[in-house]
C-alpha atoms as a PDB file:
ATOM      1  CA  UNK A   1       0.000   0.000   0.000  1.00  0.00           C
ATOM      2  CA  UNK A   2       3.019   2.308   0.266  1.00  0.00           C
ATOM      3  CA  UNK A   3       2.949   3.154  -3.448  1.00  0.00           C
ATOM      4  CA  UNK A   4      -0.757   3.987  -3.194  1.00  0.00           C
ATOM      5  CA  UNK A   5      -0.137   6.273  -0.249  1.00  0.00           C
ATOM      6  CA  UNK A   6       2.811   7.891  -2.060  1.00  0.00           C
ATOM      7  CA  UNK A   7       0.607   8.706  -5.074  1.00  0.00           C
ATOM      8  CA  UNK A   8      -2.145  10.113  -2.876  1.00  0.00           C
ATOM      9  CA  UNK A   9       0.376  12.154  -0.856  1.00  0.00           C
ATOM     10  CA  UNK A  10       1.837  13.461  -4.128  1.00  0.00           C
ATOM     11  CA  UNK A  11      -1.572  14.791  -5.152  1.00  0.00           C
ATOM     12  CA  UNK A  12      -1.945  16.443  -1.747  1.00  0.00           C
ATOM     13  CA  UNK A  13       1.522  17.917  -2.080  1.00  0.00           C
ATOM     14  CA  UNK A  14       0.498  19.458  -5.419  1.00  0.00           C
ATOM     15  CA  UNK A  15      -2.582  21.046  -3.831  1.00  0.00           C
ATOM     16  CA  UNK A  16      -2.287  24.801  -4.352  1.00  0.00           C
ATOM     17  CA  UNK A  17      -5.300  26.046  -2.425  1.00  0.00           C
ATOM     18  CA  UNK A  18      -7.459  26.545  -5.483  1.00  0.00           C
ATOM     19  CA  UNK A  19     -11.180  26.382  -4.780  1.00  0.00           C
ATOM     20  CA  UNK A  20     -12.940  23.254  -6.015  1.00  0.00           C
ATOM     21  CA  UNK A  21     -10.080  20.862  -5.257  1.00  0.00           C
ATOM     22  CA  UNK A  22     -11.824  18.924  -2.496  1.00  0.00           C
ATOM     23  CA  UNK A  23     -13.757  16.586  -4.804  1.00  0.00           C
ATOM     24  CA  UNK A  24     -10.659  15.658  -6.882  1.00  0.00           C
ATOM     25  CA  UNK A  25      -8.689  15.049  -3.672  1.00  0.00           C
ATOM     26  CA  UNK A  26     -11.444  12.785  -2.346  1.00  0.00           C
ATOM     27  CA  UNK A  27     -11.635  10.969  -5.683  1.00  0.00           C
ATOM     28  CA  UNK A  28      -7.873  10.456  -5.609  1.00  0.00           C
ATOM     29  CA  UNK A  29      -7.994   9.077  -2.064  1.00  0.00           C
ATOM     30  CA  UNK A  30     -10.797   6.695  -2.962  1.00  0.00           C
ATOM     31  CA  UNK A  31      -9.047   5.572  -6.137  1.00  0.00           C
ATOM     32  CA  UNK A  32      -5.901   4.707  -4.205  1.00  0.00           C
ATOM     33  CA  UNK A  33      -7.387   3.220  -1.049  1.00  0.00           C
ATOM     34  CA  UNK A  34     -10.604   1.777  -2.496  1.00  0.00           C
ATOM     35  CA  UNK A  35     -12.513   3.963  -0.041  1.00  0.00           C
ATOM     36  CA  UNK A  36     -11.737   7.109   1.953  1.00  0.00           C
ATOM     37  CA  UNK A  37     -10.069   6.119   5.213  1.00  0.00           C
ATOM     38  CA  UNK A  38     -10.023   8.335   8.295  1.00  0.00           C
ATOM     39  CA  UNK A  39      -6.340   9.101   7.846  1.00  0.00           C
ATOM     40  CA  UNK A  40      -6.957  10.417   4.311  1.00  0.00           C
ATOM     41  CA  UNK A  41      -9.643  12.755   5.641  1.00  0.00           C
ATOM     42  CA  UNK A  42      -7.183  13.987   8.250  1.00  0.00           C
ATOM     43  CA  UNK A  43      -4.481  14.566   5.571  1.00  0.00           C
ATOM     44  CA  UNK A  44      -6.921  16.394   3.311  1.00  0.00           C
ATOM     45  CA  UNK A  45      -8.160  18.550   6.188  1.00  0.00           C
ATOM     46  CA  UNK A  46      -4.605  19.527   7.126  1.00  0.00           C
ATOM     47  CA  UNK A  47      -3.633  20.311   3.526  1.00  0.00           C
ATOM     48  CA  UNK A  48      -6.782  22.253   2.622  1.00  0.00           C
ATOM     49  CA  UNK A  49      -7.621  23.775   6.024  1.00  0.00           C
ATOM     50  CA  UNK A  50     -11.160  22.485   5.523  1.00  0.00           C
ATOM     51  CA  UNK A  51     -12.602  21.096   8.779  1.00  0.00           C
ATOM     52  CA  UNK A  52     -12.943  17.301   8.883  1.00  0.00           C
ATOM     53  CA  UNK A  53     -16.653  17.716   9.603  1.00  0.00           C
ATOM     54  CA  UNK A  54     -17.133  19.622   6.335  1.00  0.00           C
ATOM     55  CA  UNK A  55     -15.192  16.940   4.453  1.00  0.00           C
ATOM     56  CA  UNK A  56     -17.418  14.245   5.981  1.00  0.00           C
ATOM     57  CA  UNK A  57     -20.408  16.285   4.861  1.00  0.00           C
ATOM     58  CA  UNK A  58     -19.193  16.216   1.258  1.00  0.00           C
ATOM     59  CA  UNK A  59     -18.349  12.506   1.418  1.00  0.00           C
ATOM     60  CA  UNK A  60     -21.762  11.553   2.769  1.00  0.00           C
ATOM     61  CA  UNK A  61     -23.591  13.849   0.334  1.00  0.00           C
ATOM     62  CA  UNK A  62     -22.154  12.225  -2.806  1.00  0.00           C
ATOM     63  CA  UNK A  63     -23.001   8.569  -3.384  1.00  0.00           C
ATOM     64  CA  UNK A  64     -19.739   8.006  -5.298  1.00  0.00           C
ATOM     65  CA  UNK A  65     -17.730   8.150  -2.066  1.00  0.00           C
ATOM     66  CA  UNK A  66     -17.318   5.300   0.415  1.00  0.00           C
ATOM     67  CA  UNK A  67     -16.114   5.445   4.007  1.00  0.00           C
ATOM     68  CA  UNK A  68     -15.597   1.683   4.213  1.00  0.00           C
ATOM     69  CA  UNK A  69     -13.796  -0.755   1.948  1.00  0.00           C
ATOM     70  CA  UNK A  70     -15.815  -2.751  -0.553  1.00  0.00           C
ATOM     71  CA  UNK A  71     -16.246  -6.456  -0.010  1.00  0.00           C
ATOM     72  CA  UNK A  72     -14.346  -9.006  -2.059  1.00  0.00           C
ATOM     73  CA  UNK A  73     -17.652  -9.827  -3.797  1.00  0.00           C
ATOM     74  CA  UNK A  74     -19.848  -6.873  -4.756  1.00  0.00           C
ATOM     75  CA  UNK A  75     -23.461  -8.023  -5.021  1.00  0.00           C
ATOM     76  CA  UNK A  76     -25.718  -5.887  -7.220  1.00  0.00           C
ATOM     77  CA  UNK A  77     -29.420  -6.654  -7.364  1.00  0.00           C
ATOM     78  CA  UNK A  78     -31.459  -5.111 -10.136  1.00  0.00           C
ATOM     79  CA  UNK A  79     -34.423  -3.074  -8.952  1.00  0.00           C
ATOM     80  CA  UNK A  80     -35.544  -2.058 -12.457  1.00  0.00           C
ATOM     81  CA  UNK A  81     -39.115  -2.512 -13.629  1.00  0.00           C
ATOM     82  CA  UNK A  82     -38.800  -6.039 -15.050  1.00  0.00           C
ATOM     83  CA  UNK A  83     -36.917  -7.265 -11.992  1.00  0.00           C
ATOM     84  CA  UNK A  84     -39.189  -5.426  -9.590  1.00  0.00           C
ATOM     85  CA  UNK A  85     -42.334  -7.048 -10.995  1.00  0.00           C
ATOM     86  CA  UNK A  86     -40.503 -10.408 -11.001  1.00  0.00           C
ATOM     87  CA  UNK A  87     -39.757 -10.253  -7.287  1.00  0.00           C
ATOM     88  CA  UNK A  88     -36.443  -8.431  -6.815  1.00  0.00           C
ATOM     89  CA  UNK A  89     -37.660  -7.085  -3.471  1.00  0.00           C
ATOM     90  CA  UNK A  90     -37.750 -10.647  -2.128  1.00  0.00           C
ATOM     91  CA  UNK A  91     -34.219 -11.204  -3.450  1.00  0.00           C
ATOM     92  CA  UNK A  92     -32.942  -8.101  -1.695  1.00  0.00           C
ATOM     93  CA  UNK A  93     -34.556  -9.254   1.557  1.00  0.00           C
ATOM     94  CA  UNK A  94     -33.048 -12.729   1.099  1.00  0.00           C
ATOM     95  CA  UNK A  95     -29.549 -11.332   0.572  1.00  0.00           C
ATOM     96  CA  UNK A  96     -29.912  -9.030   3.574  1.00  0.00           C
ATOM     97  CA  UNK A  97     -31.037 -11.945   5.705  1.00  0.00           C
ATOM     98  CA  UNK A  98     -28.354 -14.327   4.398  1.00  0.00           C
ATOM     99  CA  UNK A  99     -25.492 -11.847   4.794  1.00  0.00           C
ATOM    100  CA  UNK A 100     -26.756  -9.898   7.805  1.00  0.00           C
ATOM    101  CA  UNK A 101     -26.270  -6.525   6.098  1.00  0.00           C
ATOM    102  CA  UNK A 102     -28.384  -3.760   4.604  1.00  0.00           C
ATOM    103  CA  UNK A 103     -28.069  -2.259   1.122  1.00  0.00           C
ATOM    104  CA  UNK A 104     -24.826  -0.266   0.944  1.00  0.00           C
ATOM    105  CA  UNK A 105     -23.121  -2.231   3.718  1.00  0.00           C
ATOM    106  CA  UNK A 106     -20.254  -4.719   3.767  1.00  0.00           C
ATOM    107  CA  UNK A 107     -20.203  -7.923   5.797  1.00  0.00           C
ATOM    108  CA  UNK A 108     -17.973  -7.926   8.882  1.00  0.00           C
ATOM    109  CA  UNK A 109     -15.661 -10.474   7.250  1.00  0.00           C
ATOM    110  CA  UNK A 110     -15.183  -8.163   4.255  1.00  0.00           C
ATOM    111  CA  UNK A 111     -16.480 -10.768   1.846  1.00  0.00           C
ATOM    112  CA  UNK A 112     -19.660  -9.137   0.479  1.00  0.00           C
ATOM    113  CA  UNK A 113     -20.962  -5.630  -0.218  1.00  0.00           C
ATOM    114  CA  UNK A 114     -24.616  -5.238  -1.240  1.00  0.00           C
ATOM    115  CA  UNK A 115     -26.043  -2.660  -3.648  1.00  0.00           C
ATOM    116  CA  UNK A 116     -29.228  -2.253  -5.609  1.00  0.00           C
ATOM    117  CA  UNK A 117     -29.047  -0.800  -9.118  1.00  0.00           C
ATOM    118  CA  UNK A 118     -31.650   0.768 -11.387  1.00  0.00           C
ATOM    119  CA  UNK A 119     -31.050  -1.706 -14.232  1.00  0.00           C
ATOM    120  CA  UNK A 120     -28.518  -4.365 -15.180  1.00  0.00           C
ATOM    121  CA  UNK A 121     -29.791  -4.606 -18.753  1.00  0.00           C
ATOM    122  CA  UNK A 122     -30.756  -8.279 -18.441  1.00  0.00           C
ATOM    123  CA  UNK A 123     -34.532  -7.878 -18.371  1.00  0.00           C
ATOM    124  CA  UNK A 124     -35.142 -11.219 -20.088  1.00  0.00           C
ATOM    125  CA  UNK A 125     -33.441 -12.913 -17.110  1.00  0.00           C
ATOM    126  CA  UNK A 126     -35.442 -11.045 -14.441  1.00  0.00           C
ATOM    127  CA  UNK A 127     -34.986 -11.012 -11.566  1.00  0.00           C
ATOM    128  CA  UNK A 128     -31.222 -10.580 -11.868  1.00  0.00           C
ATOM    129  CA  UNK A 129     -28.250 -10.275  -9.536  1.00  0.00           C
ATOM    130  CA  UNK A 130     -24.578  -9.733 -10.330  1.00  0.00           C
ATOM    131  CA  UNK A 131     -21.805 -10.911  -8.056  1.00  0.00           C
ATOM    132  CA  UNK A 132     -18.650  -9.219  -9.270  1.00  0.00           C
ATOM    133  CA  UNK A 133     -18.798  -9.641 -13.046  1.00  0.00           C
ATOM    134  CA  UNK A 134     -20.975 -12.775 -12.996  1.00  0.00           C
ATOM    135  CA  UNK A 135     -24.655 -12.415 -13.873  1.00  0.00           C
ATOM    136  CA  UNK A 136     -27.235 -14.698 -12.259  1.00  0.00           C
ATOM    137  CA  UNK A 137     -30.784 -14.636 -13.606  1.00  0.00           C
ATOM    138  CA  UNK A 138     -34.266 -16.059 -13.093  1.00  0.00           C
ATOM    139  CA  UNK A 139     -33.572 -16.086  -9.388  1.00  0.00           C
ATOM    140  CA  UNK A 140     -35.604 -17.127  -6.386  1.00  0.00           C
ATOM    141  CA  UNK A 141     -34.828 -16.412  -2.744  1.00  0.00           C
ATOM    142  CA  UNK A 142     -33.569 -20.013  -2.415  1.00  0.00           C
ATOM    143  CA  UNK A 143     -31.283 -19.777  -5.465  1.00  0.00           C
ATOM    144  CA  UNK A 144     -29.846 -16.480  -4.215  1.00  0.00           C
ATOM    145  CA  UNK A 145     -28.932 -18.100  -0.904  1.00  0.00           C
ATOM    146  CA  UNK A 146     -27.302 -21.059  -2.713  1.00  0.00           C
ATOM    147  CA  UNK A 147     -25.283 -18.720  -4.919  1.00  0.00           C
ATOM    148  CA  UNK A 148     -24.036 -16.627  -1.994  1.00  0.00           C
ATOM    149  CA  UNK A 149     -23.143 -19.725   0.012  1.00  0.00           C
ATOM    150  CA  UNK A 150     -21.193 -20.983  -3.016  1.00  0.00           C
ATOM    151  CA  UNK A 151     -19.153 -17.764  -3.127  1.00  0.00           C
ATOM    152  CA  UNK A 152     -18.529 -18.038   0.605  1.00  0.00           C
ATOM    153  CA  UNK A 153     -17.338 -21.663   0.251  1.00  0.00           C
ATOM    154  CA  UNK A 154     -15.007 -20.733  -2.619  1.00  0.00           C
ATOM    155  CA  UNK A 155     -13.561 -17.853  -0.617  1.00  0.00           C
ATOM    156  CA  UNK A 156     -13.071 -20.025   2.442  1.00  0.00           C
ATOM    157  CA  UNK A 157     -11.363 -22.703   0.317  1.00  0.00           C
ATOM    158  CA  UNK A 158      -9.123 -20.046  -1.257  1.00  0.00           C
ATOM    159  CA  UNK A 159      -8.211 -18.834   2.231  1.00  0.00           C
ATOM    160  CA  UNK A 160      -7.122 -22.366   3.163  1.00  0.00           C
ATOM    161  CA  UNK A 161      -4.584 -22.543   0.324  1.00  0.00           C
ATOM    162  CA  UNK A 162      -0.901 -22.058   1.079  1.00  0.00           C
ATOM    163  CA  UNK A 163       0.055 -18.379   1.194  1.00  0.00           C
ATOM    164  CA  UNK A 164       2.209 -18.595  -1.954  1.00  0.00           C
ATOM    165  CA  UNK A 165      -0.791 -19.856  -3.959  1.00  0.00           C
ATOM    166  CA  UNK A 166      -3.299 -17.514  -2.366  1.00  0.00           C
ATOM    167  CA  UNK A 167      -1.548 -14.386  -3.671  1.00  0.00           C
ATOM    168  CA  UNK A 168      -1.216 -15.312  -7.314  1.00  0.00           C
ATOM    169  CA  UNK A 169      -3.304 -14.701 -10.369  1.00  0.00           C
ATOM    170  CA  UNK A 170      -6.821 -13.371  -9.973  1.00  0.00           C
ATOM    171  CA  UNK A 171      -6.501 -13.003  -6.206  1.00  0.00           C
ATOM    172  CA  UNK A 172      -4.297  -9.927  -6.559  1.00  0.00           C
END
């Protein structure tokens, strides 16, 4: 993470006090850390002389910013018209129950983050859920639970591999 911090610090170092720089600084922090950690807010506040409370206000106002890291598996459930009439609300409730989180939250183990989206463009497969880049369609509450448990099993199995194997390829 040192190179990520160095790049973020470089952008802060280049800050010249021009108005309108807060959003680009926050975007840079999120790009490098994957979210905006407390220490980045502190650095930005010191560099810009903007109170941390005002920075938090901006972060929480814009949906593009995150204060917590994303899970290893980002779950997106379509809430568009076709999915809605096909029961996406039940899917959302099933995921929340299975993972113990609400929309926008990440599980305590860092494995899953849940979002709803306006449309995934797979109306013929309604209701639809994406986990990472994989699309799952024609879902039921039971199939959603099976799919999530499958991802959990795969992640647990990957965690049991020797360290040298666990840090190669797609795991990076």
